[in-house]
Amino acid sequence: MPLPHLPPRLLPSVLLFAALLAAAVGADALLHHFGLAPVGRWLGIPGTLLLLLSFPYSLRKRGLLRSGSPKTLLALHETLSWVGALLLLVHGGIHANAWIPWLALAALVVVVASGLTGKYLLAEARRDLADRRKALAAEGVPPAEAEDRLEGAALLVRRMQEWRSVHLPLTAVFAALALVHILATVILW
């Protein structure tokens, strides 16, 4: 069966998500193949630390952190989150034996998918607004009139910037499940 048509600009996000899942499965398989499966158990610590280190971007966006370039912090957020998620997925592997770790892994996958989806949709909305603005300028439409005509597209961009209102609660669910898992692990150890 042929793959459904994907918009060309969506392909990088889909490939990044697929690469994350494939890398996690591959790394877990390699650890098992070489008899190093117990190493995966310890990958939860650096994975969690990397996710925590990715949060300055979120703090900057909310005005709780004043230093750092938002663009640089975003790139750092994306990279650290991807690597942290990879380590946590390998940590969980296919051998989780309790509900909380499985739910935390599922929430992690949803959070990563949410981040990649939001990034794509926001970029598309911004690109569409810029293209419309250029087209109106090329037609000789005065700037004030162009902005009036673009009000709906600009509103869409502003709304798309609010996708974090979905991403943040998903992240909170993951964080809560991860915290319960960590506490249970420490208490039961």
N, C-alpha and C. Protein backbone atom coordinates (compact mmCIF):
# COMPACT_ATOMS: atom_id res chain seq x y z
N MET A 1 0.86 -1.18 0.00
CA MET A 1 0.00 0.00 0.00
C MET A 1 0.90 1.24 0.00
N PRO A 2 0.64 2.20 -0.89
CA PRO A 2 1.48 3.40 -0.96
C PRO A 2 1.28 4.27 0.28
N LEU A 3 2.35 4.99 0.63
CA LEU A 3 2.26 5.92 1.75
C LEU A 3 1.37 7.08 1.38
N PRO A 4 0.61 7.60 2.33
CA PRO A 4 -0.20 8.78 2.03
C PRO A 4 0.72 9.95 1.70
N HIS A 5 0.22 10.84 0.87
CA HIS A 5 1.01 12.01 0.48
C HIS A 5 1.24 12.91 1.69
N LEU A 6 2.48 13.23 1.91
CA LEU A 6 2.83 14.16 2.98
C LEU A 6 3.28 15.47 2.36
N PRO A 7 2.86 16.58 2.92
CA PRO A 7 3.40 17.84 2.43
C PRO A 7 4.93 17.80 2.57
N PRO A 8 5.65 18.23 1.54
CA PRO A 8 7.13 18.14 1.59
C PRO A 8 7.74 18.78 2.83
N ARG A 9 7.16 19.85 3.33
CA ARG A 9 7.75 20.52 4.50
C ARG A 9 7.46 19.77 5.80
N LEU A 10 6.52 18.81 5.76
CA LEU A 10 6.23 18.01 6.94
C LEU A 10 7.22 16.85 7.07
N LEU A 11 7.82 16.47 5.96
CA LEU A 11 8.71 15.32 5.94
C LEU A 11 9.83 15.39 6.99
N PRO A 12 10.53 16.52 7.18
CA PRO A 12 11.57 16.55 8.21
C PRO A 12 11.05 16.20 9.60
N SER A 13 9.88 16.69 9.97
CA SER A 13 9.31 16.38 11.29
C SER A 13 8.97 14.90 11.40
N VAL A 14 8.38 14.35 10.35
CA VAL A 14 8.03 12.93 10.36
C VAL A 14 9.30 12.08 10.45
N LEU A 15 10.32 12.45 9.67
CA LEU A 15 11.57 11.70 9.69
C LEU A 15 12.27 11.81 11.05
N LEU A 16 12.21 12.98 11.67
CA LEU A 16 12.83 13.16 12.98
C LEU A 16 12.14 12.28 14.02
N PHE A 17 10.82 12.22 13.96
CA PHE A 17 10.05 11.38 14.88
C PHE A 17 10.34 9.90 14.63
N ALA A 18 10.33 9.51 13.36
CA ALA A 18 10.63 8.12 13.00
C ALA A 18 12.06 7.75 13.40
N ALA A 19 12.98 8.68 13.22
CA ALA A 19 14.38 8.43 13.60
C ALA A 19 14.50 8.22 15.11
N LEU A 20 13.74 8.99 15.89
CA LEU A 20 13.76 8.83 17.34
C LEU A 20 13.31 7.42 17.72
N LEU A 21 12.18 7.00 17.16
CA LEU A 21 11.66 5.68 17.50
C LEU A 21 12.60 4.57 17.02
N ALA A 22 13.12 4.72 15.79
CA ALA A 22 14.03 3.71 15.24
C ALA A 22 15.33 3.65 16.04
N ALA A 23 15.87 4.80 16.42
CA ALA A 23 17.10 4.83 17.21
C ALA A 23 16.89 4.19 18.57
N ALA A 24 15.74 4.42 19.18
CA ALA A 24 15.45 3.82 20.49
C ALA A 24 15.36 2.30 20.37
N VAL A 25 14.63 1.83 19.38
CA VAL A 25 14.51 0.38 19.18
C VAL A 25 15.87 -0.23 18.85
N GLY A 26 16.63 0.44 17.97
CA GLY A 26 17.95 -0.04 17.60
C GLY A 26 18.91 -0.08 18.76
N ALA A 27 18.95 0.99 19.55
CA ALA A 27 19.86 1.05 20.70
C ALA A 27 19.48 -0.01 21.73
N ASP A 28 18.19 -0.19 21.97
CA ASP A 28 17.74 -1.21 22.92
C ASP A 28 18.12 -2.60 22.41
N ALA A 29 17.94 -2.83 21.12
CA ALA A 29 18.30 -4.14 20.55
C ALA A 29 19.81 -4.39 20.67
N LEU A 30 20.61 -3.35 20.42
CA LEU A 30 22.06 -3.51 20.55
C LEU A 30 22.47 -3.81 21.99
N LEU A 31 21.87 -3.10 22.93
CA LEU A 31 22.18 -3.38 24.34
C LEU A 31 21.85 -4.83 24.69
N HIS A 32 20.70 -5.30 24.23
CA HIS A 32 20.33 -6.69 24.50
C HIS A 32 21.27 -7.66 23.78
N HIS A 33 21.61 -7.37 22.55
CA HIS A 33 22.48 -8.25 21.75
C HIS A 33 23.84 -8.44 22.43
N PHE A 34 24.38 -7.36 22.97
CA PHE A 34 25.70 -7.43 23.58
C PHE A 34 25.64 -7.73 25.09
N GLY A 35 24.48 -8.11 25.57
CA GLY A 35 24.35 -8.45 26.98
C GLY A 35 24.46 -7.25 27.91
N LEU A 36 24.15 -6.08 27.40
CA LEU A 36 24.27 -4.85 28.18
C LEU A 36 22.91 -4.24 28.54
N ALA A 37 21.86 -5.06 28.52
CA ALA A 37 20.52 -4.55 28.81
C ALA A 37 20.45 -3.78 30.13
N PRO A 38 21.18 -4.19 31.19
CA PRO A 38 21.12 -3.42 32.44
C PRO A 38 21.59 -1.96 32.29
N VAL A 39 22.41 -1.68 31.28
CA VAL A 39 22.86 -0.30 31.05
C VAL A 39 21.65 0.59 30.77
N GLY A 40 20.66 0.05 30.06
CA GLY A 40 19.46 0.81 29.73
C GLY A 40 18.74 1.32 30.96
N ARG A 41 18.81 0.55 32.03
CA ARG A 41 18.15 0.97 33.27
C ARG A 41 18.71 2.30 33.77
N TRP A 42 19.99 2.53 33.56
CA TRP A 42 20.64 3.73 34.07
C TRP A 42 20.52 4.92 33.12
N LEU A 43 20.02 4.70 31.91
CA LEU A 43 19.87 5.80 30.96
C LEU A 43 18.74 6.76 31.34
N GLY A 44 17.90 6.35 32.27
CA GLY A 44 16.82 7.23 32.72
C GLY A 44 17.34 8.49 33.39
N ILE A 45 18.46 8.37 34.09
CA ILE A 45 19.00 9.53 34.80
C ILE A 45 19.51 10.59 33.83
N PRO A 46 20.43 10.25 32.90
CA PRO A 46 20.86 11.30 31.97
C PRO A 46 19.72 11.77 31.05
N GLY A 47 18.80 10.87 30.72
CA GLY A 47 17.65 11.28 29.88
C GLY A 47 16.81 12.33 30.57
N THR A 48 16.54 12.11 31.84
CA THR A 48 15.76 13.08 32.64
C THR A 48 16.52 14.39 32.78
N LEU A 49 17.81 14.30 33.04
CA LEU A 49 18.61 15.53 33.18
C LEU A 49 18.61 16.34 31.88
N LEU A 50 18.72 15.66 30.74
CA LEU A 50 18.70 16.39 29.46
C LEU A 50 17.36 17.08 29.24
N LEU A 51 16.26 16.41 29.61
CA LEU A 51 14.95 17.06 29.47
C LEU A 51 14.87 18.29 30.38
N LEU A 52 15.38 18.16 31.59
CA LEU A 52 15.35 19.31 32.50
C LEU A 52 16.22 20.45 31.97
N LEU A 53 17.35 20.10 31.35
CA LEU A 53 18.23 21.14 30.79
C LEU A 53 17.62 21.82 29.56
N SER A 54 16.58 21.22 28.98
CA SER A 54 15.94 21.83 27.81
C SER A 54 14.91 22.90 28.20
N PHE A 55 14.62 23.04 29.48
CA PHE A 55 13.56 23.95 29.92
C PHE A 55 13.87 25.43 29.92
N PRO A 56 15.12 25.88 29.85
CA PRO A 56 15.32 27.34 29.80
C PRO A 56 14.56 28.01 28.65
N TYR A 57 14.35 27.31 27.54
CA TYR A 57 13.57 27.90 26.44
C TYR A 57 12.15 28.21 26.92
N SER A 58 11.53 27.26 27.60
CA SER A 58 10.16 27.47 28.09
C SER A 58 10.12 28.61 29.11
N LEU A 59 11.13 28.66 29.96
CA LEU A 59 11.19 29.74 30.95
C LEU A 59 11.37 31.10 30.27
N ARG A 60 12.17 31.13 29.22
CA ARG A 60 12.41 32.38 28.47
C ARG A 60 11.13 32.84 27.78
N LYS A 61 10.39 31.90 27.20
CA LYS A 61 9.15 32.24 26.49
C LYS A 61 8.09 32.81 27.45
N ARG A 62 8.16 32.39 28.71
CA ARG A 62 7.19 32.86 29.69
C ARG A 62 7.69 34.06 30.49
N GLY A 63 8.87 34.57 30.14
CA GLY A 63 9.41 35.75 30.81
C GLY A 63 10.03 35.47 32.17
N LEU A 64 10.21 34.20 32.52
CA LEU A 64 10.80 33.86 33.80
C LEU A 64 12.32 33.83 33.73
N LEU A 65 12.85 33.88 32.53
CA LEU A 65 14.29 33.93 32.30
C LEU A 65 14.53 35.04 31.30
N ARG A 66 15.42 35.94 31.61
CA ARG A 66 15.62 37.10 30.75
C ARG A 66 16.83 36.96 29.83
N SER A 67 17.73 36.06 30.13
CA SER A 67 18.94 35.94 29.31
C SER A 67 18.80 34.81 28.30
N GLY A 68 19.61 34.90 27.28
CA GLY A 68 19.63 33.86 26.25
C GLY A 68 18.79 34.23 25.05
N SER A 69 19.30 33.92 23.89
CA SER A 69 18.57 34.15 22.65
C SER A 69 17.47 33.11 22.51
N PRO A 70 16.21 33.54 22.28
CA PRO A 70 15.13 32.57 22.12
C PRO A 70 15.42 31.55 21.01
N LYS A 71 16.02 32.01 19.92
CA LYS A 71 16.32 31.10 18.82
C LYS A 71 17.33 30.03 19.24
N THR A 72 18.38 30.45 19.95
CA THR A 72 19.39 29.51 20.44
C THR A 72 18.79 28.57 21.48
N LEU A 73 18.00 29.12 22.39
CA LEU A 73 17.38 28.29 23.41
C LEU A 73 16.39 27.30 22.80
N LEU A 74 15.70 27.70 21.73
CA LEU A 74 14.79 26.78 21.06
C LEU A 74 15.57 25.63 20.43
N ALA A 75 16.66 25.94 19.76
CA ALA A 75 17.48 24.89 19.14
C ALA A 75 18.01 23.95 20.22
N LEU A 76 18.44 24.51 21.33
CA LEU A 76 18.93 23.69 22.45
C LEU A 76 17.79 22.83 23.01
N HIS A 77 16.61 23.43 23.16
CA HIS A 77 15.43 22.70 23.65
C HIS A 77 15.12 21.51 22.75
N GLU A 78 15.11 21.75 21.45
CA GLU A 78 14.79 20.67 20.51
C GLU A 78 15.83 19.56 20.56
N THR A 79 17.10 19.92 20.58
CA THR A 79 18.17 18.92 20.58
C THR A 79 18.20 18.14 21.89
N LEU A 80 18.22 18.85 23.01
CA LEU A 80 18.27 18.16 24.30
C LEU A 80 17.03 17.30 24.54
N SER A 81 15.87 17.80 24.10
CA SER A 81 14.64 17.02 24.26
C SER A 81 14.69 15.75 23.43
N TRP A 82 15.19 15.85 22.21
CA TRP A 82 15.26 14.67 21.34
C TRP A 82 16.21 13.63 21.94
N VAL A 83 17.39 14.06 22.35
CA VAL A 83 18.37 13.11 22.91
C VAL A 83 17.87 12.57 24.25
N GLY A 84 17.30 13.44 25.08
CA GLY A 84 16.74 12.99 26.36
C GLY A 84 15.62 11.98 26.15
N ALA A 85 14.73 12.26 25.19
CA ALA A 85 13.64 11.32 24.88
C ALA A 85 14.21 9.98 24.40
N LEU A 86 15.25 10.05 23.58
CA LEU A 86 15.89 8.82 23.10
C LEU A 86 16.39 7.99 24.28
N LEU A 87 17.11 8.63 25.18
CA LEU A 87 17.64 7.90 26.34
C LEU A 87 16.52 7.32 27.20
N LEU A 88 15.43 8.08 27.36
CA LEU A 88 14.32 7.58 28.17
C LEU A 88 13.59 6.44 27.48
N LEU A 89 13.47 6.51 26.16
CA LEU A 89 12.83 5.41 25.44
C LEU A 89 13.68 4.14 25.53
N VAL A 90 15.00 4.29 25.44
CA VAL A 90 15.88 3.12 25.60
C VAL A 90 15.79 2.63 27.05
N HIS A 91 15.74 3.55 27.99
CA HIS A 91 15.60 3.20 29.41
C HIS A 91 14.35 2.34 29.62
N GLY A 92 13.24 2.77 29.03
CA GLY A 92 11.99 2.02 29.17
C GLY A 92 12.01 0.75 28.35
N GLY A 93 12.62 0.83 27.17
CA GLY A 93 12.70 -0.34 26.30
C GLY A 93 11.37 -1.04 26.14
N ILE A 94 11.45 -2.32 25.96
CA ILE A 94 10.22 -3.11 25.81
C ILE A 94 9.98 -3.96 27.05
N HIS A 95 10.68 -3.61 28.11
CA HIS A 95 10.62 -4.47 29.30
C HIS A 95 10.05 -3.77 30.53
N ALA A 96 9.30 -2.72 30.32
CA ALA A 96 8.66 -2.08 31.47
C ALA A 96 7.66 -3.07 32.06
N ASN A 97 7.65 -3.21 33.36
CA ASN A 97 6.79 -4.22 33.97
C ASN A 97 5.73 -3.62 34.88
N ALA A 98 5.42 -2.37 34.69
CA ALA A 98 4.39 -1.73 35.51
C ALA A 98 3.68 -0.67 34.65
N TRP A 99 2.48 -0.32 35.08
CA TRP A 99 1.67 0.62 34.31
C TRP A 99 2.26 2.03 34.24
N ILE A 100 2.74 2.53 35.35
CA ILE A 100 3.22 3.91 35.39
C ILE A 100 4.36 4.14 34.39
N PRO A 101 5.39 3.29 34.35
CA PRO A 101 6.44 3.52 33.36
C PRO A 101 5.92 3.47 31.92
N TRP A 102 5.01 2.55 31.64
CA TRP A 102 4.46 2.48 30.28
C TRP A 102 3.67 3.74 29.96
N LEU A 103 2.87 4.19 30.91
CA LEU A 103 2.10 5.43 30.67
C LEU A 103 3.04 6.62 30.50
N ALA A 104 4.12 6.67 31.28
CA ALA A 104 5.09 7.76 31.14
C ALA A 104 5.74 7.72 29.77
N LEU A 105 6.10 6.52 29.29
CA LEU A 105 6.69 6.41 27.95
C LEU A 105 5.71 6.85 26.88
N ALA A 106 4.46 6.42 27.01
CA ALA A 106 3.44 6.82 26.04
C ALA A 106 3.27 8.34 26.05
N ALA A 107 3.23 8.93 27.25
CA ALA A 107 3.10 10.39 27.35
C ALA A 107 4.30 11.08 26.73
N LEU A 108 5.49 10.52 26.93
CA LEU A 108 6.70 11.10 26.33
C LEU A 108 6.60 11.11 24.81
N VAL A 109 6.16 10.01 24.24
CA VAL A 109 6.02 9.93 22.77
C VAL A 109 5.01 10.96 22.29
N VAL A 110 3.91 11.12 23.01
CA VAL A 110 2.89 12.11 22.64
C VAL A 110 3.45 13.53 22.75
N VAL A 111 4.23 13.81 23.78
CA VAL A 111 4.83 15.14 23.95
C VAL A 111 5.79 15.45 22.80
N VAL A 112 6.61 14.48 22.43
CA VAL A 112 7.54 14.69 21.30
C VAL A 112 6.74 14.94 20.01
N ALA A 113 5.73 14.11 19.77
CA ALA A 113 4.90 14.30 18.57
C ALA A 113 4.22 15.67 18.60
N SER A 114 3.75 16.09 19.76
CA SER A 114 3.11 17.39 19.91
C SER A 114 4.08 18.52 19.58
N GLY A 115 5.30 18.41 20.08
CA GLY A 115 6.30 19.44 19.80
C GLY A 115 6.62 19.55 18.33
N LEU A 116 6.81 18.41 17.68
CA LEU A 116 7.13 18.42 16.25
C LEU A 116 5.94 18.92 15.42
N THR A 117 4.73 18.54 15.82
CA THR A 117 3.54 18.99 15.10
C THR A 117 3.36 20.49 15.25
N GLY A 118 3.50 20.98 16.47
CA GLY A 118 3.36 22.42 16.70
C GLY A 118 4.39 23.22 15.94
N LYS A 119 5.62 22.73 15.92
CA LYS A 119 6.68 23.42 15.19
C LYS A 119 6.33 23.51 13.70
N TYR A 120 5.86 22.41 13.14
CA TYR A 120 5.50 22.39 11.72
C TYR A 120 4.32 23.33 11.44
N LEU A 121 3.25 23.22 12.23
CA LEU A 121 2.06 24.03 11.97
C LEU A 121 2.34 25.52 12.11
N LEU A 122 3.14 25.89 13.12
CA LEU A 122 3.47 27.29 13.31
C LEU A 122 4.31 27.81 12.14
N ALA A 123 5.27 27.01 11.70
CA ALA A 123 6.10 27.42 10.56
C ALA A 123 5.25 27.59 9.30
N GLU A 124 4.31 26.68 9.09
CA GLU A 124 3.43 26.79 7.92
C GLU A 124 2.56 28.05 8.00
N ALA A 125 2.00 28.34 9.16
CA ALA A 125 1.16 29.53 9.31
C ALA A 125 1.98 30.80 9.08
N ARG A 126 3.19 30.83 9.61
CA ARG A 126 4.06 32.01 9.40
C ARG A 126 4.43 32.15 7.94
N ARG A 127 4.76 31.04 7.29
CA ARG A 127 5.15 31.06 5.88
C ARG A 127 3.98 31.54 5.02
N ASP A 128 2.78 31.06 5.32
CA ASP A 128 1.59 31.47 4.57
C ASP A 128 1.34 32.97 4.73
N LEU A 129 1.48 33.48 5.95
CA LEU A 129 1.29 34.91 6.19
C LEU A 129 2.32 35.72 5.42
N ALA A 130 3.57 35.31 5.45
CA ALA A 130 4.63 36.03 4.72
C ALA A 130 4.37 36.00 3.21
N ASP A 131 3.95 34.84 2.69
CA ASP A 131 3.66 34.73 1.26
C ASP A 131 2.50 35.64 0.85
N ARG A 132 1.46 35.67 1.67
CA ARG A 132 0.32 36.54 1.38
C ARG A 132 0.72 38.01 1.43
N ARG A 133 1.55 38.35 2.42
CA ARG A 133 2.01 39.73 2.56
C ARG A 133 2.79 40.15 1.31
N LYS A 134 3.69 39.28 0.83
CA LYS A 134 4.48 39.56 -0.38
C LYS A 134 3.58 39.71 -1.60
N ALA A 135 2.60 38.83 -1.72
CA ALA A 135 1.69 38.88 -2.87
C ALA A 135 0.91 40.19 -2.89
N LEU A 136 0.43 40.62 -1.74
CA LEU A 136 -0.31 41.88 -1.68
C LEU A 136 0.60 43.06 -1.98
N ALA A 137 1.84 43.01 -1.51
CA ALA A 137 2.80 44.09 -1.81
C ALA A 137 3.08 44.12 -3.31
N ALA A 138 3.21 42.95 -3.94
CA ALA A 138 3.47 42.87 -5.37
C ALA A 138 2.30 43.42 -6.18
N GLU A 139 1.09 43.29 -5.64
CA GLU A 139 -0.10 43.84 -6.30
C GLU A 139 -0.22 45.35 -6.09
N GLY A 140 0.63 45.90 -5.23
CA GLY A 140 0.59 47.33 -4.97
C GLY A 140 -0.43 47.74 -3.93
N VAL A 141 -0.89 46.78 -3.14
CA VAL A 141 -1.86 47.09 -2.09
C VAL A 141 -1.14 47.89 -1.00
N PRO A 142 -1.70 49.03 -0.60
CA PRO A 142 -1.08 49.83 0.46
C PRO A 142 -0.92 49.01 1.75
N PRO A 143 0.17 49.25 2.48
CA PRO A 143 0.45 48.44 3.69
C PRO A 143 -0.71 48.38 4.69
N ALA A 144 -1.38 49.48 4.94
CA ALA A 144 -2.48 49.48 5.91
C ALA A 144 -3.62 48.58 5.43
N GLU A 145 -3.94 48.67 4.15
CA GLU A 145 -5.00 47.82 3.59
C GLU A 145 -4.57 46.35 3.60
N ALA A 146 -3.30 46.11 3.29
CA ALA A 146 -2.77 44.73 3.29
C ALA A 146 -2.91 44.12 4.68
N GLU A 147 -2.58 44.91 5.70
CA GLU A 147 -2.68 44.38 7.06
C GLU A 147 -4.13 44.07 7.42
N ASP A 148 -5.07 44.92 6.93
CA ASP A 148 -6.48 44.63 7.17
C ASP A 148 -6.88 43.32 6.49
N ARG A 149 -6.43 43.12 5.27
CA ARG A 149 -6.74 41.89 4.53
C ARG A 149 -6.10 40.66 5.18
N LEU A 150 -4.97 40.87 5.82
CA LEU A 150 -4.22 39.75 6.41
C LEU A 150 -4.60 39.48 7.86
N GLU A 151 -5.60 40.19 8.36
CA GLU A 151 -5.96 40.05 9.77
C GLU A 151 -6.25 38.60 10.14
N GLY A 152 -6.97 37.89 9.30
CA GLY A 152 -7.31 36.49 9.58
C GLY A 152 -6.07 35.60 9.63
N ALA A 153 -5.16 35.81 8.67
CA ALA A 153 -3.93 35.01 8.63
C ALA A 153 -3.04 35.33 9.83
N ALA A 154 -3.00 36.61 10.21
CA ALA A 154 -2.20 37.00 11.38
C ALA A 154 -2.80 36.41 12.65
N LEU A 155 -4.12 36.38 12.72
CA LEU A 155 -4.79 35.77 13.86
C LEU A 155 -4.46 34.28 13.93
N LEU A 156 -4.43 33.62 12.78
CA LEU A 156 -4.07 32.20 12.75
C LEU A 156 -2.66 31.98 13.29
N VAL A 157 -1.72 32.84 12.91
CA VAL A 157 -0.36 32.72 13.43
C VAL A 157 -0.36 32.89 14.94
N ARG A 158 -1.09 33.88 15.44
CA ARG A 158 -1.15 34.08 16.89
C ARG A 158 -1.77 32.87 17.58
N ARG A 159 -2.81 32.32 16.98
CA ARG A 159 -3.44 31.12 17.56
C ARG A 159 -2.49 29.93 17.53
N MET A 160 -1.75 29.79 16.45
CA MET A 160 -0.80 28.68 16.34
C MET A 160 0.30 28.83 17.38
N GLN A 161 0.65 30.06 17.73
CA GLN A 161 1.66 30.26 18.77
C GLN A 161 1.14 29.78 20.12
N GLU A 162 -0.17 29.67 20.23
CA GLU A 162 -0.78 29.20 21.47
C GLU A 162 -0.88 27.68 21.52
N TRP A 163 -0.32 26.96 20.53
CA TRP A 163 -0.36 25.50 20.57
C TRP A 163 0.33 25.00 21.83
N ARG A 164 1.17 25.85 22.42
CA ARG A 164 1.82 25.46 23.67
C ARG A 164 0.78 25.15 24.75
N SER A 165 -0.43 25.71 24.60
CA SER A 165 -1.48 25.42 25.58
C SER A 165 -1.89 23.95 25.51
N VAL A 166 -1.53 23.26 24.45
CA VAL A 166 -1.72 21.81 24.35
C VAL A 166 -0.43 21.11 24.78
N HIS A 167 0.69 21.60 24.29
CA HIS A 167 1.99 20.97 24.55
C HIS A 167 2.34 20.99 26.05
N LEU A 168 2.06 22.09 26.71
CA LEU A 168 2.41 22.23 28.13
C LEU A 168 1.65 21.24 29.02
N PRO A 169 0.31 21.10 28.88
CA PRO A 169 -0.38 20.11 29.72
C PRO A 169 0.09 18.68 29.42
N LEU A 170 0.38 18.39 28.16
CA LEU A 170 0.90 17.06 27.84
C LEU A 170 2.24 16.83 28.53
N THR A 171 3.07 17.87 28.53
CA THR A 171 4.36 17.78 29.21
C THR A 171 4.15 17.59 30.70
N ALA A 172 3.17 18.27 31.27
CA ALA A 172 2.88 18.14 32.70
C ALA A 172 2.42 16.71 33.04
N VAL A 173 1.62 16.11 32.16
CA VAL A 173 1.19 14.72 32.39
C VAL A 173 2.40 13.80 32.38
N PHE A 174 3.26 13.99 31.38
CA PHE A 174 4.49 13.18 31.33
C PHE A 174 5.32 13.39 32.59
N ALA A 175 5.52 14.64 32.98
CA ALA A 175 6.34 14.95 34.15
C ALA A 175 5.77 14.31 35.41
N ALA A 176 4.46 14.36 35.57
CA ALA A 176 3.82 13.77 36.75
C ALA A 176 4.02 12.26 36.77
N LEU A 177 3.81 11.62 35.63
CA LEU A 177 4.00 10.17 35.56
C LEU A 177 5.47 9.80 35.79
N ALA A 178 6.37 10.57 35.21
CA ALA A 178 7.79 10.31 35.41
C ALA A 178 8.18 10.49 36.87
N LEU A 179 7.64 11.52 37.51
CA LEU A 179 7.94 11.76 38.92
C LEU A 179 7.43 10.61 39.80
N VAL A 180 6.22 10.14 39.53
CA VAL A 180 5.68 9.00 40.28
C VAL A 180 6.58 7.77 40.07
N HIS A 181 6.99 7.56 38.82
CA HIS A 181 7.88 6.43 38.51
C HIS A 181 9.20 6.56 39.27
N ILE A 182 9.79 7.75 39.24
CA ILE A 182 11.07 7.97 39.92
C ILE A 182 10.92 7.76 41.43
N LEU A 183 9.89 8.34 42.02
CA LEU A 183 9.68 8.18 43.46
C LEU A 183 9.43 6.73 43.83
N ALA A 184 8.63 6.04 43.04
CA ALA A 184 8.38 4.63 43.32
C ALA A 184 9.66 3.81 43.21
N THR A 185 10.47 4.14 42.24
CA THR A 185 11.73 3.42 42.06
C THR A 185 12.66 3.66 43.25
N VAL A 186 12.76 4.90 43.68
CA VAL A 186 13.64 5.23 44.81
C VAL A 186 13.11 4.59 46.11
N ILE A 187 11.82 4.66 46.33
CA ILE A 187 11.24 4.11 47.55
C ILE A 187 11.35 2.59 47.57
N LEU A 188 11.11 1.96 46.43
CA LEU A 188 11.13 0.49 46.38
C LEU A 188 12.52 -0.09 46.21
N TRP A 189 13.49 0.75 45.97
CA TRP A 189 14.84 0.26 45.76
C TRP A 189 15.35 -0.20 47.04
